[in-house]
């Protein structure tokens, strides 16, 4: 009994079909993944049934003849996928040939068949004489084939930039930060906005100091500062 799932839209051009499957029977009859429309269909078929073989094929059937029909030479034999474990497949359909890559290994190419250029993509399976047969497809992706996959390269920095782009001066990269603190206020000179803070002053993060009790920052201690402190103590104001 045959079962089939096919795409609703048709595809065109050089195509790669990638998928992940698992076959769960050592005497598995046959199944296939195909691309095209009869009478021009390229397919990759799997069979573990006695006298049948896994193969690549292009013709009027949705599976290689030698994978699912009476003993035949229709189709180029390929390596069988494993049984009872997941495997990844890449089925490549080009105008001048068809091929497969099993589990990211070496590419096996058909010597007799070329690929189709358009049609639907589908999954086909057939059980043998009503015997139980099971396989799973985890995922399937379809994308266009390119001779060279796009690559990204990072080139060396150019020292002399000419043309419409203004040269950008290169500043030396510091290898260390000096920890000199001239006024000993806890803020290194490299970050200190005022490296002459007297030792009796408190200092903020930027190294700017202020006399203790100088609430308004005028550099003097006056009654205004005292009043501000008393108001803060009485919670009349917040600092």
Foldseek 3Di string as FASTA:
>chain_A
DKDKDWDPDKDFAWKKKKFKKAWADQQFQKKWKWHAAPQWIWIWMAGNHPLAATFTATGGDHGFCSRHHDNDPRGHGDDHDDHPDMKMKMWTAHQAWTWMDIRNHDIDTDPPDHGDGMGMIMMMGDGDPPDDTDMDIDDMDMDHDDPDDDDDDDDDDDQDDDDPDDDDDDDDDDPDDDQPQQQPQPARPVQAPDSVDHPQFHADNSNDTAHPLPVVRPNDHDVVSVVVVVCVVVVVDPD
